[in-house]
Amino acid sequence: MLVRAPWQYLITLIVMMYAVYSLSAALAILFAILNWPYINSVILITMLAVYILAIPLNLNFTRRSYKVLIPWFIVHVLFSVIIYAWHYSKAGLQENVGQISHSFRDALYFSVTTWTTLGYGDFTAIPSMRLVTSIEALTSLFTIPIGCSLAWFMIQESTVIYTKAYLDKNAYDDKGHMRPEFHRSQEAPKKDVAEHKLAEN
């Protein structure tokens, strides 16, 4: 009987996550064409949940998978904003002058301001789409911190330890202790300042 190793289960789960996410994206495009915004809101939330679950799976497989997760995050945000913008353009947006705009450019602008929770107020959603805008804004509140966390993780993984920094590596020995000559160079300015204060007194 063939026994699978733990890494095989991990790869299987990762592939399943990618498959579910891709299928959800295809459904989101389909329901965008059919113009069913509320169903698409649920699908986009599901895609975000799948992405969140995929983060630890990918990082447990290899720490370098942040190079895939960050572009995936950017694509997810752009995809979500565009899907919402498509629905806004189909339903129409109310301008300050009272006219209804079906321009996709205006809808994309409105979707971006809704996603970032800025809300300038120059466009407002029609009554039937107001709950959709609330869902989009609420989704972004959960999405943006994930992007910040991935950015911090990338910085952390790309930063070498202090003994390996390019300009600092010569200051430390193999055990990570600062060499004596660098101790003196750091203590010298403090000693000069102390002597200067004594001279003033």
Protein backbone atom coordinates (compact mmCIF):
# COMPACT_ATOMS: atom_id res chain seq x y z
CA MET A 1 0.00 0.00 0.00
CA LEU A 2 1.36 3.38 -1.03
CA VAL A 3 1.70 5.75 1.93
CA ARG A 4 1.80 9.45 1.14
CA ALA A 5 4.34 11.65 2.84
CA PRO A 6 3.16 14.81 4.67
CA TRP A 7 4.55 17.02 1.91
CA GLN A 8 2.35 15.18 -0.58
CA TYR A 9 -0.73 16.06 1.44
CA LEU A 10 0.48 19.64 1.59
CA ILE A 11 0.93 19.83 -2.18
CA THR A 12 -2.51 18.27 -2.67
CA LEU A 13 -4.11 20.92 -0.45
CA ILE A 14 -2.25 23.72 -2.23
CA VAL A 15 -3.37 22.47 -5.64
CA MET A 16 -6.94 22.17 -4.35
CA MET A 17 -6.81 25.78 -3.11
CA TYR A 18 -5.60 27.00 -6.50
CA ALA A 19 -8.32 24.97 -8.23
CA VAL A 20 -11.11 26.30 -5.99
CA TYR A 21 -9.85 29.86 -6.39
CA SER A 22 -9.64 29.55 -10.18
CA LEU A 23 -13.13 28.04 -10.38
CA SER A 24 -14.49 30.84 -8.19
CA ALA A 25 -12.86 33.44 -10.44
CA ALA A 26 -14.47 31.85 -13.49
CA LEU A 27 -17.86 31.89 -11.75
CA ALA A 28 -17.34 35.55 -10.80
CA ILE A 29 -16.78 36.43 -14.46
CA LEU A 30 -19.88 34.46 -15.45
CA PHE A 31 -22.09 36.16 -12.86
CA ALA A 32 -20.63 39.52 -13.85
CA ILE A 33 -21.84 38.90 -17.39
CA LEU A 34 -25.23 37.87 -15.99
CA ASN A 35 -25.10 40.96 -13.75
CA TRP A 36 -25.82 39.26 -10.42
CA PRO A 37 -23.89 41.51 -8.01
CA TYR A 38 -24.96 39.95 -4.72
CA ILE A 39 -23.98 36.44 -5.76
CA ASN A 40 -20.66 37.84 -6.96
CA SER A 41 -20.12 39.50 -3.60
CA VAL A 42 -20.39 36.09 -1.93
CA ILE A 43 -18.04 34.58 -4.52
CA LEU A 44 -15.42 37.31 -3.98
CA ILE A 45 -15.61 36.79 -0.22
CA THR A 46 -15.13 33.06 -0.81
CA MET A 47 -12.09 33.79 -2.99
CA LEU A 48 -10.61 35.92 -0.21
CA ALA A 49 -11.22 33.13 2.31
CA VAL A 50 -9.51 30.60 0.02
CA TYR A 51 -6.56 32.96 -0.41
CA ILE A 52 -6.21 33.40 3.35
CA LEU A 53 -6.25 29.62 3.86
CA ALA A 54 -3.66 29.22 1.10
CA ILE A 55 -1.14 31.56 2.77
CA PRO A 56 -0.01 29.23 5.61
CA LEU A 57 -0.12 26.21 3.31
CA ASN A 58 2.24 27.87 0.85
CA LEU A 59 4.56 29.26 3.52
CA ASN A 60 4.73 25.88 5.27
CA PHE A 61 5.79 24.32 2.00
CA THR A 62 8.48 26.93 1.35
CA ARG A 63 9.13 30.34 2.87
CA ARG A 64 9.98 31.66 -0.58
CA SER A 65 6.36 31.23 -1.67
CA TYR A 66 5.74 34.87 -0.71
CA LYS A 67 7.06 35.58 -4.21
CA VAL A 68 3.89 33.91 -5.47
CA LEU A 69 1.54 35.11 -2.74
CA ILE A 70 2.26 38.82 -3.22
CA PRO A 71 1.51 38.88 -6.99
CA TRP A 72 -1.53 36.71 -6.27
CA PHE A 73 -2.69 39.28 -3.73
CA ILE A 74 -2.30 42.13 -6.22
CA VAL A 75 -4.22 40.20 -8.88
CA HIS A 76 -6.96 39.40 -6.37
CA VAL A 77 -7.42 43.05 -5.40
CA LEU A 78 -7.48 44.22 -9.04
CA PHE A 79 -9.88 41.45 -10.00
CA SER A 80 -12.26 42.30 -7.15
CA VAL A 81 -12.22 46.02 -7.89
CA ILE A 82 -12.91 45.42 -11.59
CA ILE A 83 -15.75 42.97 -10.91
CA TYR A 84 -17.44 45.44 -8.58
CA ALA A 85 -16.87 48.25 -11.09
CA TRP A 86 -18.54 46.17 -13.79
CA HIS A 87 -21.67 45.81 -11.66
CA TYR A 88 -21.69 49.52 -10.81
CA SER A 89 -21.47 50.44 -14.48
CA LYS A 90 -24.37 48.12 -15.34
CA ALA A 91 -26.58 49.38 -12.51
CA GLY A 92 -25.53 53.01 -12.86
CA LEU A 93 -24.10 55.56 -10.46
CA GLN A 94 -25.86 58.70 -9.34
CA GLU A 95 -23.88 61.90 -9.83
CA ASN A 96 -24.19 65.02 -7.71
CA VAL A 97 -26.16 66.72 -10.47
CA GLY A 98 -28.75 63.96 -10.33
CA GLN A 99 -27.83 62.17 -13.55
CA ILE A 100 -27.14 58.45 -13.78
CA SER A 101 -23.76 57.47 -15.18
CA HIS A 102 -23.15 54.08 -16.79
CA SER A 103 -19.53 54.88 -17.70
CA PHE A 104 -17.13 52.08 -16.78
CA ARG A 105 -14.43 54.67 -16.06
CA ASP A 106 -16.65 56.34 -13.48
CA ALA A 107 -17.59 52.94 -12.09
CA LEU A 108 -13.94 51.93 -11.79
CA TYR A 109 -13.16 55.19 -10.01
CA PHE A 110 -16.09 54.63 -7.65
CA SER A 111 -15.03 51.03 -7.01
CA VAL A 112 -11.49 52.11 -6.12
CA THR A 113 -12.71 54.81 -3.72
CA THR A 114 -15.12 52.31 -2.16
CA TRP A 115 -12.42 49.65 -1.83
CA THR A 116 -10.07 52.12 -0.15
CA THR A 117 -13.00 53.41 1.97
CA LEU A 118 -12.31 57.00 0.87
CA GLY A 119 -15.78 57.80 -0.45
CA TYR A 120 -15.42 61.31 -1.91
CA GLY A 121 -19.18 61.58 -2.40
CA ASP A 122 -19.13 62.75 -6.02
CA PHE A 123 -20.82 59.47 -6.99
CA THR A 124 -23.30 57.42 -5.00
CA ALA A 125 -24.70 53.97 -5.63
CA ILE A 126 -28.33 53.58 -6.55
CA PRO A 127 -30.52 52.15 -3.76
CA SER A 128 -30.39 48.58 -5.10
CA MET A 129 -26.55 48.60 -5.00
CA ARG A 130 -25.92 50.26 -1.66
CA LEU A 131 -25.50 46.98 0.19
CA VAL A 132 -22.98 45.88 -2.46
CA THR A 133 -20.84 48.95 -1.76
CA SER A 134 -20.94 48.16 1.96
CA ILE A 135 -19.83 44.58 1.27
CA GLU A 136 -16.98 45.81 -0.93
CA ALA A 137 -15.77 48.25 1.73
CA LEU A 138 -16.05 45.62 4.46
CA THR A 139 -14.12 43.11 2.35
CA SER A 140 -11.31 45.61 1.82
CA LEU A 141 -10.96 46.08 5.59
CA PHE A 142 -10.01 42.40 5.83
CA THR A 143 -7.91 42.41 2.66
CA ILE A 144 -5.61 45.40 3.18
CA PRO A 145 -4.03 44.11 6.45
CA ILE A 146 -3.19 40.86 4.68
CA GLY A 147 -1.26 42.78 2.04
CA CYS A 148 0.60 44.73 4.74
CA SER A 149 1.48 41.49 6.52
CA LEU A 150 2.83 39.95 3.32
CA ALA A 151 4.88 43.08 2.61
CA TRP A 152 6.38 42.91 6.12
CA PHE A 153 7.06 39.19 5.67
CA MET A 154 8.85 39.90 2.38
CA ILE A 155 11.03 42.55 4.08
CA GLN A 156 11.80 40.20 6.94
CA GLU A 157 12.73 37.31 4.66
CA SER A 158 14.85 39.55 2.41
CA THR A 159 16.85 41.04 5.29
CA VAL A 160 20.07 39.34 6.36
CA ILE A 161 21.12 39.14 10.00
CA TYR A 162 23.08 42.10 11.32
CA THR A 163 26.42 40.27 11.19
CA LYS A 164 25.97 39.75 7.44
CA ALA A 165 24.98 43.31 6.48
CA TYR A 166 27.32 44.62 3.79
CA LEU A 167 28.82 47.55 5.71
CA ASP A 168 28.61 45.90 9.13
CA LYS A 169 29.90 42.37 8.49
CA ASN A 170 33.55 43.34 9.09
CA ALA A 171 32.66 44.61 12.56
CA TYR A 172 31.75 41.13 13.85
CA ASP A 173 33.68 37.91 14.29
CA ASP A 174 32.46 34.41 13.42
CA LYS A 175 30.63 34.13 16.76
CA GLY A 176 28.68 37.34 16.19
CA HIS A 177 30.66 39.42 18.71
CA MET A 178 31.76 42.93 17.85
CA ARG A 179 35.49 43.23 17.26
CA PRO A 180 37.42 45.30 19.85
CA GLU A 181 38.55 47.95 17.37
CA PHE A 182 34.93 48.75 16.56
CA HIS A 183 34.10 48.95 20.26
CA ARG A 184 36.73 51.64 20.66
CA SER A 185 35.48 53.55 17.62
CA GLN A 186 31.99 53.64 19.11
CA GLU A 187 33.14 54.56 22.61
CA ALA A 188 35.48 57.32 21.46
CA PRO A 189 32.77 59.87 20.62
CA LYS A 190 31.11 59.24 24.02
CA LYS A 191 34.45 59.77 25.78
CA ASP A 192 35.06 63.01 23.89
CA VAL A 193 31.63 64.30 24.83
CA ALA A 194 32.21 63.45 28.51
CA GLU A 195 35.59 65.20 28.52
CA HIS A 196 34.05 68.24 26.83
CA LYS A 197 31.36 68.48 29.52
CA LEU A 198 33.99 68.23 32.28
CA ALA A 199 35.98 71.00 30.65
CA GLU A 200 32.91 73.23 30.55
CA ASN A 201 32.27 72.65 34.27
